[in-house]
Amino acid sequence: MKNIVTLLAFVLLLISCQRNPLKVDLSNTKIDFRFHDFGNDLFEIKDGFESELSELEKDYPEILPLFTAEIINIGIPGEEGFNDLLLTFLNDSLINEVKAEVDKNIDRHLIREGLAESFRYFHYYFPDRIIPDVFTCVSGFNQSIVMTENLLGVGLDKYLGRDCSYYPRLGIPNYQQLNMYPEKIISDAMYAWGMTEFPFDGYGPHLIDRMIYEGKLLYLLDATLPDTPDTLKIGYTKKQMEFCVEKESAMWTYFVEYKMLFSTERMDIKRYVDDAPYTSSFTDQSPGRTGAWIGWQIVKAYMKNNPEVSLPELMTDKNCKNILNQSAYQPD
């Protein structure tokens, strides 16, 4: 009996050690989360367009002009020719075909539930910050995520799947198509909201500043999507993630030996943090954004070695050189 108790205690200890420390208890965390299926409501006004448009303006006084002016670029309600342009969009055969594909392939309920939980985590850590109203739409392939200070819109037609036949016809590169599938919506939305809430303004001009900034945004995803795989957060395939894990030490050595960390060259920064089919300094088996991935590992090390630092303190600390030093980051 004593051996069984000892074994059980060991198993419980092992489970507790493996538990994600960022998966906090949300039982007392409540938010006012509003999700609008704006795209469906928009397409339902076709039959009684004039009167229905007036009602739509009342229901969506901020979303409708954002959609028409910033997403499909036809201006705002009340402008000359606006009604004709909007009706043309709603009656376009390709747009209606795309909407049918969206309706068939994307579960808006899952998006709503996933974002509601993610924003509950966000509110747990940042109780004084805004929770945006979220709306979905068919964007005419113009936008994946669009934001204002209190709105977050999702263009569902940018997430129809890696094998979607529209994307090659639009000239979208294959490496970008790999992240245009429904499961990517929530992580993309939370990453974009993180950029809005914690912009790059005020950081230094060096590559390490961008690396750690990107790492902080990815760490924010660790906190707000604690059950989401790392591959989904950064947009890597399993093979690409394996490359980064296996080559972590070699990549870090390259950054250090070639004095890349404090480069201010625009092309150096783009090469390591922007989306790309691979990182040109490494092999064609590497993914893009390897600098962002390394930055993520630095931030993880920093938070592990400095447990007194809160997530809000991390996100507002722009002294990236200090974060690097305090992380004691040194991959094996």
C-alpha atoms as a PDB file:
ATOM      1  CA  MET A   1       0.000   0.000   0.000  1.00  0.00           C
ATOM      2  CA  LYS A   2       2.861   2.338   0.878  1.00  0.00           C
ATOM      3  CA  ASN A   3       4.450   1.699  -2.524  1.00  0.00           C
ATOM      4  CA  ILE A   4       1.181   2.544  -4.300  1.00  0.00           C
ATOM      5  CA  VAL A   5       0.856   5.827  -2.385  1.00  0.00           C
ATOM      6  CA  THR A   6       4.472   6.688  -3.187  1.00  0.00           C
ATOM      7  CA  LEU A   7       3.922   5.927  -6.876  1.00  0.00           C
ATOM      8  CA  LEU A   8       0.735   8.020  -6.934  1.00  0.00           C
ATOM      9  CA  ALA A   9       2.559  10.944  -5.308  1.00  0.00           C
ATOM     10  CA  PHE A  10       5.310  10.671  -7.910  1.00  0.00           C
ATOM     11  CA  VAL A  11       2.785  10.648 -10.772  1.00  0.00           C
ATOM     12  CA  LEU A  12       1.005  13.708  -9.365  1.00  0.00           C
ATOM     13  CA  LEU A  13       4.347  15.485  -8.987  1.00  0.00           C
ATOM     14  CA  LEU A  14       5.251  14.631 -12.582  1.00  0.00           C
ATOM     15  CA  ILE A  15       1.911  15.946 -13.842  1.00  0.00           C
ATOM     16  CA  SER A  16       2.307  19.166 -11.861  1.00  0.00           C
ATOM     17  CA  CYS A  17       5.800  19.669 -13.274  1.00  0.00           C
ATOM     18  CA  GLN A  18       4.512  19.282 -16.814  1.00  0.00           C
ATOM     19  CA  ARG A  19       1.532  21.573 -16.302  1.00  0.00           C
ATOM     20  CA  ASN A  20       1.686  24.772 -18.303  1.00  0.00           C
ATOM     21  CA  PRO A  21       2.298  27.489 -15.660  1.00  0.00           C
ATOM     22  CA  LEU A  22       0.513  30.001 -17.898  1.00  0.00           C
ATOM     23  CA  LYS A  23      -2.737  28.016 -17.831  1.00  0.00           C
ATOM     24  CA  VAL A  24      -4.366  29.915 -14.985  1.00  0.00           C
ATOM     25  CA  ASP A  25      -7.741  29.471 -13.290  1.00  0.00           C
ATOM     26  CA  LEU A  26     -10.373  31.509 -15.138  1.00  0.00           C
ATOM     27  CA  SER A  27     -13.323  30.548 -12.936  1.00  0.00           C
ATOM     28  CA  ASN A  28     -13.617  34.094 -11.552  1.00  0.00           C
ATOM     29  CA  THR A  29     -12.728  35.881 -14.789  1.00  0.00           C
ATOM     30  CA  LYS A  30     -15.743  37.340 -16.581  1.00  0.00           C
ATOM     31  CA  ILE A  31     -15.720  39.503 -19.693  1.00  0.00           C
ATOM     32  CA  ASP A  32     -18.247  41.296 -21.850  1.00  0.00           C
ATOM     33  CA  PHE A  33     -17.374  39.641 -25.153  1.00  0.00           C
ATOM     34  CA  ARG A  34     -19.427  40.534 -28.220  1.00  0.00           C
ATOM     35  CA  PHE A  35     -19.156  38.544 -31.430  1.00  0.00           C
ATOM     36  CA  HIS A  36     -20.976  39.711 -34.561  1.00  0.00           C
ATOM     37  CA  ASP A  37     -21.671  37.561 -37.602  1.00  0.00           C
ATOM     38  CA  PHE A  38     -21.660  40.736 -39.651  1.00  0.00           C
ATOM     39  CA  GLY A  39     -20.911  38.983 -42.944  1.00  0.00           C
ATOM     40  CA  ASN A  40     -24.102  36.937 -42.870  1.00  0.00           C
ATOM     41  CA  ASP A  41     -26.209  39.920 -41.835  1.00  0.00           C
ATOM     42  CA  LEU A  42     -24.724  41.955 -44.672  1.00  0.00           C
ATOM     43  CA  PHE A  43     -25.603  39.421 -47.358  1.00  0.00           C
ATOM     44  CA  GLU A  44     -29.158  39.080 -46.037  1.00  0.00           C
ATOM     45  CA  ILE A  45     -30.023  42.672 -47.049  1.00  0.00           C
ATOM     46  CA  LYS A  46     -29.935  42.002 -50.814  1.00  0.00           C
ATOM     47  CA  ASP A  47     -33.653  41.405 -51.285  1.00  0.00           C
ATOM     48  CA  GLY A  48     -34.845  44.617 -49.639  1.00  0.00           C
ATOM     49  CA  PHE A  49     -31.651  46.540 -50.099  1.00  0.00           C
ATOM     50  CA  GLU A  50     -32.640  50.180 -49.462  1.00  0.00           C
ATOM     51  CA  SER A  51     -34.639  49.642 -46.284  1.00  0.00           C
ATOM     52  CA  GLU A  52     -32.438  46.806 -45.019  1.00  0.00           C
ATOM     53  CA  LEU A  53     -29.264  48.862 -45.480  1.00  0.00           C
ATOM     54  CA  SER A  54     -30.701  51.532 -43.203  1.00  0.00           C
ATOM     55  CA  GLU A  55     -31.299  48.918 -40.500  1.00  0.00           C
ATOM     56  CA  LEU A  56     -27.813  47.490 -40.992  1.00  0.00           C
ATOM     57  CA  GLU A  57     -26.324  50.959 -40.433  1.00  0.00           C
ATOM     58  CA  LYS A  58     -28.219  51.192 -37.131  1.00  0.00           C
ATOM     59  CA  ASP A  59     -27.095  47.730 -36.038  1.00  0.00           C
ATOM     60  CA  TYR A  60     -23.461  48.214 -37.054  1.00  0.00           C
ATOM     61  CA  PRO A  61     -22.641  51.939 -36.834  1.00  0.00           C
ATOM     62  CA  GLU A  62     -18.887  51.304 -36.509  1.00  0.00           C
ATOM     63  CA  ILE A  63     -18.441  47.976 -38.286  1.00  0.00           C
ATOM     64  CA  LEU A  64     -20.241  48.810 -41.546  1.00  0.00           C
ATOM     65  CA  PRO A  65     -18.132  51.886 -42.454  1.00  0.00           C
ATOM     66  CA  LEU A  66     -14.951  50.082 -41.357  1.00  0.00           C
ATOM     67  CA  PHE A  67     -15.827  47.184 -43.646  1.00  0.00           C
ATOM     68  CA  THR A  68     -16.797  49.266 -46.663  1.00  0.00           C
ATOM     69  CA  ALA A  69     -14.031  51.886 -46.409  1.00  0.00           C
ATOM     70  CA  GLU A  70     -11.073  49.855 -45.136  1.00  0.00           C
ATOM     71  CA  ILE A  71     -11.758  46.288 -46.278  1.00  0.00           C
ATOM     72  CA  ILE A  72     -13.577  46.400 -49.618  1.00  0.00           C
ATOM     73  CA  ASN A  73     -12.622  50.032 -50.379  1.00  0.00           C
ATOM     74  CA  ILE A  74     -15.920  51.463 -51.646  1.00  0.00           C
ATOM     75  CA  GLY A  75     -16.253  54.400 -49.250  1.00  0.00           C
ATOM     76  CA  ILE A  76     -18.756  54.949 -46.465  1.00  0.00           C
ATOM     77  CA  PRO A  77     -22.559  55.020 -46.284  1.00  0.00           C
ATOM     78  CA  GLY A  78     -24.031  58.265 -47.570  1.00  0.00           C
ATOM     79  CA  GLU A  79     -21.341  58.951 -50.143  1.00  0.00           C
ATOM     80  CA  GLU A  80     -22.362  59.320 -53.773  1.00  0.00           C
ATOM     81  CA  GLY A  81     -22.515  55.956 -55.530  1.00  0.00           C
ATOM     82  CA  PHE A  82     -22.016  53.997 -52.310  1.00  0.00           C
ATOM     83  CA  ASN A  83     -25.266  52.027 -52.527  1.00  0.00           C
ATOM     84  CA  ASP A  84     -24.596  50.925 -56.095  1.00  0.00           C
ATOM     85  CA  LEU A  85     -21.075  49.815 -55.235  1.00  0.00           C
ATOM     86  CA  LEU A  86     -22.199  47.842 -52.197  1.00  0.00           C
ATOM     87  CA  LEU A  87     -25.006  46.169 -54.133  1.00  0.00           C
ATOM     88  CA  THR A  88     -22.531  45.240 -56.872  1.00  0.00           C
ATOM     89  CA  PHE A  89     -20.318  43.600 -54.235  1.00  0.00           C
ATOM     90  CA  LEU A  90     -23.242  41.675 -52.749  1.00  0.00           C
ATOM     91  CA  ASN A  91     -24.400  40.424 -56.165  1.00  0.00           C
ATOM     92  CA  ASP A  92     -20.955  39.521 -57.491  1.00  0.00           C
ATOM     93  CA  SER A  93     -21.014  35.853 -58.524  1.00  0.00           C
ATOM     94  CA  LEU A  94     -17.465  35.120 -57.336  1.00  0.00           C
ATOM     95  CA  ILE A  95     -18.064  36.779 -53.958  1.00  0.00           C
ATOM     96  CA  ASN A  96     -21.216  34.710 -53.493  1.00  0.00           C
ATOM     97  CA  GLU A  97     -19.329  31.564 -54.469  1.00  0.00           C
ATOM     98  CA  VAL A  98     -16.653  32.386 -51.921  1.00  0.00           C
ATOM     99  CA  LYS A  99     -19.245  33.068 -49.224  1.00  0.00           C
ATOM    100  CA  ALA A 100     -20.756  29.640 -49.876  1.00  0.00           C
ATOM    101  CA  GLU A 101     -17.301  28.104 -49.339  1.00  0.00           C
ATOM    102  CA  VAL A 102     -16.894  30.073 -46.117  1.00  0.00           C
ATOM    103  CA  ASP A 103     -20.272  28.883 -44.845  1.00  0.00           C
ATOM    104  CA  LYS A 104     -19.394  25.291 -45.687  1.00  0.00           C
ATOM    105  CA  ASN A 105     -15.859  25.183 -44.294  1.00  0.00           C
ATOM    106  CA  ILE A 106     -15.683  27.547 -41.319  1.00  0.00           C
ATOM    107  CA  ASP A 107     -17.548  27.115 -38.041  1.00  0.00           C
ATOM    108  CA  ARG A 108     -18.175  30.598 -36.667  1.00  0.00           C
ATOM    109  CA  HIS A 109     -19.323  29.127 -33.359  1.00  0.00           C
ATOM    110  CA  LEU A 110     -15.875  27.611 -32.788  1.00  0.00           C
ATOM    111  CA  ILE A 111     -14.244  30.936 -33.605  1.00  0.00           C
ATOM    112  CA  ARG A 112     -16.508  32.751 -31.165  1.00  0.00           C
ATOM    113  CA  GLU A 113     -15.866  30.251 -28.359  1.00  0.00           C
ATOM    114  CA  GLY A 114     -12.130  30.159 -28.972  1.00  0.00           C
ATOM    115  CA  LEU A 115     -11.737  33.927 -29.029  1.00  0.00           C
ATOM    116  CA  ALA A 116     -13.980  34.354 -25.988  1.00  0.00           C
ATOM    117  CA  GLU A 117     -11.727  32.036 -23.968  1.00  0.00           C
ATOM    118  CA  SER A 118      -8.547  33.667 -25.277  1.00  0.00           C
ATOM    119  CA  PHE A 119      -9.820  37.105 -24.333  1.00  0.00           C
ATOM    120  CA  ARG A 120     -10.723  35.804 -20.878  1.00  0.00           C
ATOM    121  CA  TYR A 121      -7.062  34.886 -20.456  1.00  0.00           C
ATOM    122  CA  PHE A 122      -6.121  38.298 -21.822  1.00  0.00           C
ATOM    123  CA  HIS A 123      -8.440  39.984 -19.303  1.00  0.00           C
ATOM    124  CA  TYR A 124      -7.010  37.886 -16.471  1.00  0.00           C
ATOM    125  CA  TYR A 125      -3.576  39.377 -17.114  1.00  0.00           C
ATOM    126  CA  PHE A 126      -4.676  42.819 -18.333  1.00  0.00           C
ATOM    127  CA  PRO A 127      -7.933  43.665 -16.525  1.00  0.00           C
ATOM    128  CA  ASP A 128      -7.751  47.361 -17.428  1.00  0.00           C
ATOM    129  CA  ARG A 129      -7.374  46.874 -21.172  1.00  0.00           C
ATOM    130  CA  ILE A 130     -10.141  46.833 -23.772  1.00  0.00           C
ATOM    131  CA  ILE A 131     -11.770  43.634 -24.984  1.00  0.00           C
ATOM    132  CA  PRO A 132     -12.681  44.376 -28.607  1.00  0.00           C
ATOM    133  CA  ASP A 133     -15.934  43.592 -30.337  1.00  0.00           C
ATOM    134  CA  VAL A 134     -15.197  40.893 -32.912  1.00  0.00           C
ATOM    135  CA  PHE A 135     -16.879  40.576 -36.295  1.00  0.00           C
ATOM    136  CA  THR A 136     -16.506  38.180 -39.197  1.00  0.00           C
ATOM    137  CA  CYS A 137     -16.922  38.966 -42.863  1.00  0.00           C
ATOM    138  CA  VAL A 138     -16.110  37.972 -46.420  1.00  0.00           C
ATOM    139  CA  SER A 139     -13.409  40.457 -47.342  1.00  0.00           C
ATOM    140  CA  GLY A 140     -13.049  39.834 -51.059  1.00  0.00           C
ATOM    141  CA  PHE A 141      -9.603  38.389 -50.193  1.00  0.00           C
ATOM    142  CA  ASN A 142      -8.493  41.835 -49.014  1.00  0.00           C
ATOM    143  CA  GLN A 143      -7.869  41.307 -45.296  1.00  0.00           C
ATOM    144  CA  SER A 144      -7.127  38.499 -42.865  1.00  0.00           C
ATOM    145  CA  ILE A 145      -7.388  40.551 -39.670  1.00  0.00           C
ATOM    146  CA  VAL A 146      -8.384  44.217 -39.395  1.00  0.00           C
ATOM    147  CA  MET A 147      -8.388  46.250 -36.193  1.00  0.00           C
ATOM    148  CA  THR A 148      -9.290  49.551 -34.620  1.00  0.00           C
ATOM    149  CA  GLU A 149      -8.851  50.456 -30.968  1.00  0.00           C
ATOM    150  CA  ASN A 150     -12.077  48.637 -30.066  1.00  0.00           C
ATOM    151  CA  LEU A 151     -12.873  46.355 -33.039  1.00  0.00           C
ATOM    152  CA  LEU A 152     -11.289  43.209 -34.447  1.00  0.00           C
ATOM    153  CA  GLY A 153     -12.490  41.890 -37.797  1.00  0.00           C
ATOM    154  CA  VAL A 154     -11.749  38.511 -39.380  1.00  0.00           C
ATOM    155  CA  GLY A 155     -11.859  38.038 -43.149  1.00  0.00           C
ATOM    156  CA  LEU A 156     -12.977  34.423 -43.249  1.00  0.00           C
ATOM    157  CA  ASP A 157     -12.207  34.031 -46.949  1.00  0.00           C
ATOM    158  CA  LYS A 158      -8.498  34.270 -46.067  1.00  0.00           C
ATOM    159  CA  TYR A 159      -8.799  31.021 -44.067  1.00  0.00           C
ATOM    160  CA  LEU A 160     -10.433  28.565 -46.470  1.00  0.00           C
ATOM    161  CA  GLY A 161      -7.669  25.964 -46.240  1.00  0.00           C
ATOM    162  CA  ARG A 162      -4.236  25.154 -47.582  1.00  0.00           C
ATOM    163  CA  ASP A 163      -5.696  23.454 -50.657  1.00  0.00           C
ATOM    164  CA  CYS A 164      -8.129  26.274 -51.495  1.00  0.00           C
ATOM    165  CA  SER A 165      -8.135  26.714 -55.280  1.00  0.00           C
ATOM    166  CA  TYR A 166      -8.626  30.485 -55.099  1.00  0.00           C
ATOM    167  CA  TYR A 167      -5.282  31.247 -53.485  1.00  0.00           C
ATOM    168  CA  PRO A 168      -2.950  30.081 -56.294  1.00  0.00           C
ATOM    169  CA  ARG A 169      -5.164  31.910 -58.790  1.00  0.00           C
ATOM    170  CA  LEU A 170      -4.682  35.086 -56.749  1.00  0.00           C
ATOM    171  CA  GLY A 171      -0.915  34.661 -56.831  1.00  0.00           C
ATOM    172  CA  ILE A 172      -0.581  34.074 -53.091  1.00  0.00           C
ATOM    173  CA  PRO A 173       2.787  32.385 -52.399  1.00  0.00           C
ATOM    174  CA  ASN A 174       2.675  28.796 -51.206  1.00  0.00           C
ATOM    175  CA  TYR A 175       4.414  29.571 -47.894  1.00  0.00           C
ATOM    176  CA  GLN A 176       1.602  32.002 -47.073  1.00  0.00           C
ATOM    177  CA  GLN A 177      -1.102  29.550 -48.149  1.00  0.00           C
ATOM    178  CA  LEU A 178       0.226  27.120 -45.521  1.00  0.00           C
ATOM    179  CA  ASN A 179      -1.225  29.368 -42.802  1.00  0.00           C
ATOM    180  CA  MET A 180      -4.545  30.172 -44.479  1.00  0.00           C
ATOM    181  CA  TYR A 181      -6.727  27.573 -42.762  1.00  0.00           C
ATOM    182  CA  PRO A 182      -9.488  27.857 -40.146  1.00  0.00           C
ATOM    183  CA  GLU A 183      -7.478  26.668 -37.139  1.00  0.00           C
ATOM    184  CA  LYS A 184      -5.097  29.605 -37.612  1.00  0.00           C
ATOM    185  CA  ILE A 185      -7.780  32.265 -37.084  1.00  0.00           C
ATOM    186  CA  ILE A 186      -7.649  32.509 -33.299  1.00  0.00           C
ATOM    187  CA  SER A 187      -3.863  32.687 -32.983  1.00  0.00           C
ATOM    188  CA  ASP A 188      -3.677  35.232 -35.827  1.00  0.00           C
ATOM    189  CA  ALA A 189      -6.360  37.352 -34.177  1.00  0.00           C
ATOM    190  CA  MET A 190      -4.700  37.302 -30.755  1.00  0.00           C
ATOM    191  CA  TYR A 191      -1.270  38.021 -32.242  1.00  0.00           C
ATOM    192  CA  ALA A 192      -2.701  40.982 -34.167  1.00  0.00           C
ATOM    193  CA  TRP A 193      -4.470  42.280 -31.070  1.00  0.00           C
ATOM    194  CA  GLY A 194      -1.201  41.977 -29.171  1.00  0.00           C
ATOM    195  CA  MET A 195       0.488  44.162 -31.794  1.00  0.00           C
ATOM    196  CA  THR A 196      -2.293  46.731 -31.375  1.00  0.00           C
ATOM    197  CA  GLU A 197      -2.117  46.781 -27.584  1.00  0.00           C
ATOM    198  CA  PHE A 198       1.678  46.629 -27.417  1.00  0.00           C
ATOM    199  CA  PRO A 199       3.061  48.370 -30.517  1.00  0.00           C
ATOM    200  CA  PHE A 200       6.740  48.441 -31.430  1.00  0.00           C
ATOM    201  CA  ASP A 201       6.973  52.192 -30.796  1.00  0.00           C
ATOM    202  CA  GLY A 202       9.770  53.092 -28.408  1.00  0.00           C
ATOM    203  CA  TYR A 203      11.950  50.042 -28.946  1.00  0.00           C
ATOM    204  CA  GLY A 204      15.545  50.239 -30.118  1.00  0.00           C
ATOM    205  CA  PRO A 205      16.660  50.017 -33.760  1.00  0.00           C
ATOM    206  CA  HIS A 206      18.549  46.722 -33.553  1.00  0.00           C
ATOM    207  CA  LEU A 207      17.673  43.254 -34.752  1.00  0.00           C
ATOM    208  CA  ILE A 208      17.645  41.984 -31.156  1.00  0.00           C
ATOM    209  CA  ASP A 209      14.940  44.547 -30.343  1.00  0.00           C
ATOM    210  CA  ARG A 210      12.679  43.141 -33.043  1.00  0.00           C
ATOM    211  CA  MET A 211      13.549  39.556 -32.124  1.00  0.00           C
ATOM    212  CA  ILE A 212      12.576  40.055 -28.501  1.00  0.00           C
ATOM    213  CA  TYR A 213       9.507  42.116 -29.414  1.00  0.00           C
ATOM    214  CA  GLU A 214       8.290  39.273 -31.639  1.00  0.00           C
ATOM    215  CA  GLY A 215       9.199  36.828 -28.894  1.00  0.00           C
ATOM    216  CA  LYS A 216       7.054  38.765 -26.438  1.00  0.00           C
ATOM    217  CA  LEU A 217       4.059  38.656 -28.780  1.00  0.00           C
ATOM    218  CA  LEU A 218       4.497  34.887 -29.114  1.00  0.00           C
ATOM    219  CA  TYR A 219       4.822  34.580 -25.334  1.00  0.00           C
ATOM    220  CA  LEU A 220       1.566  36.514 -25.071  1.00  0.00           C
ATOM    221  CA  LEU A 221       0.043  33.739 -27.185  1.00  0.00           C
ATOM    222  CA  ASP A 222       1.474  31.227 -24.706  1.00  0.00           C
ATOM    223  CA  ALA A 223      -0.526  33.047 -22.031  1.00  0.00           C
ATOM    224  CA  THR A 224      -3.772  33.548 -23.952  1.00  0.00           C
ATOM    225  CA  LEU A 225      -3.797  30.241 -25.851  1.00  0.00           C
ATOM    226  CA  PRO A 226      -2.174  27.882 -23.333  1.00  0.00           C
ATOM    227  CA  ASP A 227      -3.516  24.709 -24.978  1.00  0.00           C
ATOM    228  CA  THR A 228      -2.513  25.671 -28.518  1.00  0.00           C
ATOM    229  CA  PRO A 229       0.517  23.937 -30.079  1.00  0.00           C
ATOM    230  CA  ASP A 230       3.587  26.089 -30.655  1.00  0.00           C
ATOM    231  CA  THR A 231       3.501  25.211 -34.354  1.00  0.00           C
ATOM    232  CA  LEU A 232       0.112  26.876 -34.666  1.00  0.00           C
ATOM    233  CA  LYS A 233       1.153  29.992 -32.740  1.00  0.00           C
ATOM    234  CA  ILE A 234       4.137  30.769 -34.968  1.00  0.00           C
ATOM    235  CA  GLY A 235       2.729  29.198 -38.124  1.00  0.00           C
ATOM    236  CA  TYR A 236       5.298  26.438 -38.629  1.00  0.00           C
ATOM    237  CA  THR A 237       4.864  22.932 -39.920  1.00  0.00           C
ATOM    238  CA  LYS A 238       6.057  20.122 -37.675  1.00  0.00           C
ATOM    239  CA  LYS A 239       9.158  19.761 -39.856  1.00  0.00           C
ATOM    240  CA  GLN A 240       9.953  23.475 -39.617  1.00  0.00           C
ATOM    241  CA  MET A 241       9.603  23.407 -35.837  1.00  0.00           C
ATOM    242  CA  GLU A 242      11.883  20.382 -35.659  1.00  0.00           C
ATOM    243  CA  PHE A 243      14.480  22.320 -37.663  1.00  0.00           C
ATOM    244  CA  CYS A 244      14.421  25.187 -35.158  1.00  0.00           C
ATOM    245  CA  VAL A 245      14.693  22.883 -32.155  1.00  0.00           C
ATOM    246  CA  GLU A 246      17.540  20.878 -33.669  1.00  0.00           C
ATOM    247  CA  LYS A 247      19.431  23.921 -35.009  1.00  0.00           C
ATOM    248  CA  GLU A 248      18.743  26.335 -32.149  1.00  0.00           C
ATOM    249  CA  SER A 249      22.329  26.375 -30.921  1.00  0.00           C
ATOM    250  CA  ALA A 250      23.760  26.696 -34.438  1.00  0.00           C
ATOM    251  CA  MET A 251      21.421  29.582 -35.302  1.00  0.00           C
ATOM    252  CA  TRP A 252      22.256  31.406 -32.078  1.00  0.00           C
ATOM    253  CA  THR A 253      25.977  30.912 -32.723  1.00  0.00           C
ATOM    254  CA  TYR A 254      25.508  32.416 -36.188  1.00  0.00           C
ATOM    255  CA  PHE A 255      23.764  35.501 -34.773  1.00  0.00           C
ATOM    256  CA  VAL A 256      26.517  36.011 -32.219  1.00  0.00           C
ATOM    257  CA  GLU A 257      29.563  35.255 -34.368  1.00  0.00           C
ATOM    258  CA  TYR A 258      28.398  37.411 -37.267  1.00  0.00           C
ATOM    259  CA  LYS A 259      27.408  40.228 -34.886  1.00  0.00           C
ATOM    260  CA  MET A 260      23.876  40.230 -36.244  1.00  0.00           C
ATOM    261  CA  LEU A 261      22.089  40.936 -32.952  1.00  0.00           C
ATOM    262  CA  PHE A 262      22.902  44.633 -32.968  1.00  0.00           C
ATOM    263  CA  SER A 263      22.595  45.180 -36.698  1.00  0.00           C
ATOM    264  CA  THR A 264      20.390  48.112 -37.667  1.00  0.00           C
ATOM    265  CA  GLU A 265      20.305  47.191 -41.348  1.00  0.00           C
ATOM    266  CA  ARG A 266      16.709  47.069 -42.574  1.00  0.00           C
ATOM    267  CA  MET A 267      17.310  43.995 -44.738  1.00  0.00           C
ATOM    268  CA  ASP A 268      18.938  42.106 -41.865  1.00  0.00           C
ATOM    269  CA  ILE A 269      15.895  42.727 -39.704  1.00  0.00           C
ATOM    270  CA  LYS A 270      13.459  41.719 -42.453  1.00  0.00           C
ATOM    271  CA  ARG A 271      15.468  38.580 -43.222  1.00  0.00           C
ATOM    272  CA  TYR A 272      15.054  37.174 -39.719  1.00  0.00           C
ATOM    273  CA  VAL A 273      11.657  38.379 -38.514  1.00  0.00           C
ATOM    274  CA  ASP A 274       9.443  38.731 -41.607  1.00  0.00           C
ATOM    275  CA  ASP A 275       7.404  35.909 -43.052  1.00  0.00           C
ATOM    276  CA  ALA A 276       9.297  34.091 -45.819  1.00  0.00           C
ATOM    277  CA  PRO A 277       9.562  30.636 -47.403  1.00  0.00           C
ATOM    278  CA  TYR A 278      12.863  30.107 -45.528  1.00  0.00           C
ATOM    279  CA  THR A 279      15.657  32.096 -43.879  1.00  0.00           C
ATOM    280  CA  SER A 280      18.195  32.893 -46.568  1.00  0.00           C
ATOM    281  CA  SER A 281      21.197  32.811 -44.195  1.00  0.00           C
ATOM    282  CA  PHE A 282      20.392  29.218 -43.304  1.00  0.00           C
ATOM    283  CA  THR A 283      19.368  26.250 -45.468  1.00  0.00           C
ATOM    284  CA  ASP A 284      16.226  26.065 -47.577  1.00  0.00           C
ATOM    285  CA  GLN A 285      14.955  23.574 -45.006  1.00  0.00           C
ATOM    286  CA  SER A 286      14.698  26.376 -42.464  1.00  0.00           C
ATOM    287  CA  PRO A 287      11.446  28.285 -41.940  1.00  0.00           C
ATOM    288  CA  GLY A 288      11.103  32.034 -42.159  1.00  0.00           C
ATOM    289  CA  ARG A 289      10.974  34.133 -38.987  1.00  0.00           C
ATOM    290  CA  THR A 290      13.792  32.233 -37.305  1.00  0.00           C
ATOM    291  CA  GLY A 291      14.782  35.447 -35.535  1.00  0.00           C
ATOM    292  CA  ALA A 292      11.279  35.661 -34.065  1.00  0.00           C
ATOM    293  CA  TRP A 293      11.525  32.032 -32.940  1.00  0.00           C
ATOM    294  CA  ILE A 294      14.883  32.669 -31.230  1.00  0.00           C
ATOM    295  CA  GLY A 295      13.396  35.795 -29.643  1.00  0.00           C
ATOM    296  CA  TRP A 296      10.593  33.632 -28.285  1.00  0.00           C
ATOM    297  CA  GLN A 297      13.109  31.279 -26.655  1.00  0.00           C
ATOM    298  CA  ILE A 298      14.946  34.245 -25.118  1.00  0.00           C
ATOM    299  CA  VAL A 299      11.710  35.583 -23.624  1.00  0.00           C
ATOM    300  CA  LYS A 300      10.793  32.142 -22.254  1.00  0.00           C
ATOM    301  CA  ALA A 301      14.215  31.892 -20.633  1.00  0.00           C
ATOM    302  CA  TYR A 302      13.889  35.411 -19.223  1.00  0.00           C
ATOM    303  CA  MET A 303      10.504  34.688 -17.647  1.00  0.00           C
ATOM    304  CA  LYS A 304      11.699  31.359 -16.262  1.00  0.00           C
ATOM    305  CA  ASN A 305      14.782  32.935 -14.676  1.00  0.00           C
ATOM    306  CA  ASN A 306      12.887  35.976 -13.388  1.00  0.00           C
ATOM    307  CA  PRO A 307       9.666  34.587 -11.875  1.00  0.00           C
ATOM    308  CA  GLU A 308       8.934  37.878 -10.112  1.00  0.00           C
ATOM    309  CA  VAL A 309       8.317  39.569 -13.482  1.00  0.00           C
ATOM    310  CA  SER A 310       4.630  39.662 -14.410  1.00  0.00           C
ATOM    311  CA  LEU A 311       3.278  39.387 -17.935  1.00  0.00           C
ATOM    312  CA  PRO A 312       2.173  43.065 -17.966  1.00  0.00           C
ATOM    313  CA  GLU A 313       5.678  44.080 -16.848  1.00  0.00           C
ATOM    314  CA  LEU A 314       7.213  41.983 -19.610  1.00  0.00           C
ATOM    315  CA  MET A 315       4.988  43.431 -22.315  1.00  0.00           C
ATOM    316  CA  THR A 316       5.769  47.041 -21.386  1.00  0.00           C
ATOM    317  CA  ASP A 317       9.513  46.595 -20.811  1.00  0.00           C
ATOM    318  CA  LYS A 318      11.300  47.914 -23.919  1.00  0.00           C
ATOM    319  CA  ASN A 319      14.851  47.410 -22.643  1.00  0.00           C
ATOM    320  CA  CYS A 320      15.589  44.394 -24.814  1.00  0.00           C
ATOM    321  CA  LYS A 321      19.308  44.370 -24.064  1.00  0.00           C
ATOM    322  CA  ASN A 322      18.478  43.957 -20.372  1.00  0.00           C
ATOM    323  CA  ILE A 323      15.956  41.207 -21.146  1.00  0.00           C
ATOM    324  CA  LEU A 324      18.624  39.395 -23.163  1.00  0.00           C
ATOM    325  CA  ASN A 325      21.189  39.706 -20.373  1.00  0.00           C
ATOM    326  CA  GLN A 326      18.765  38.705 -17.633  1.00  0.00           C
ATOM    327  CA  SER A 327      17.530  35.712 -19.640  1.00  0.00           C
ATOM    328  CA  ALA A 328      20.924  33.986 -19.422  1.00  0.00           C
ATOM    329  CA  TYR A 329      19.899  32.443 -22.726  1.00  0.00           C
ATOM    330  CA  GLN A 330      22.420  29.904 -23.945  1.00  0.00           C
ATOM    331  CA  PRO A 331      21.052  26.996 -25.998  1.00  0.00           C
ATOM    332  CA  ASP A 332      22.841  23.657 -25.739  1.00  0.00           C
END
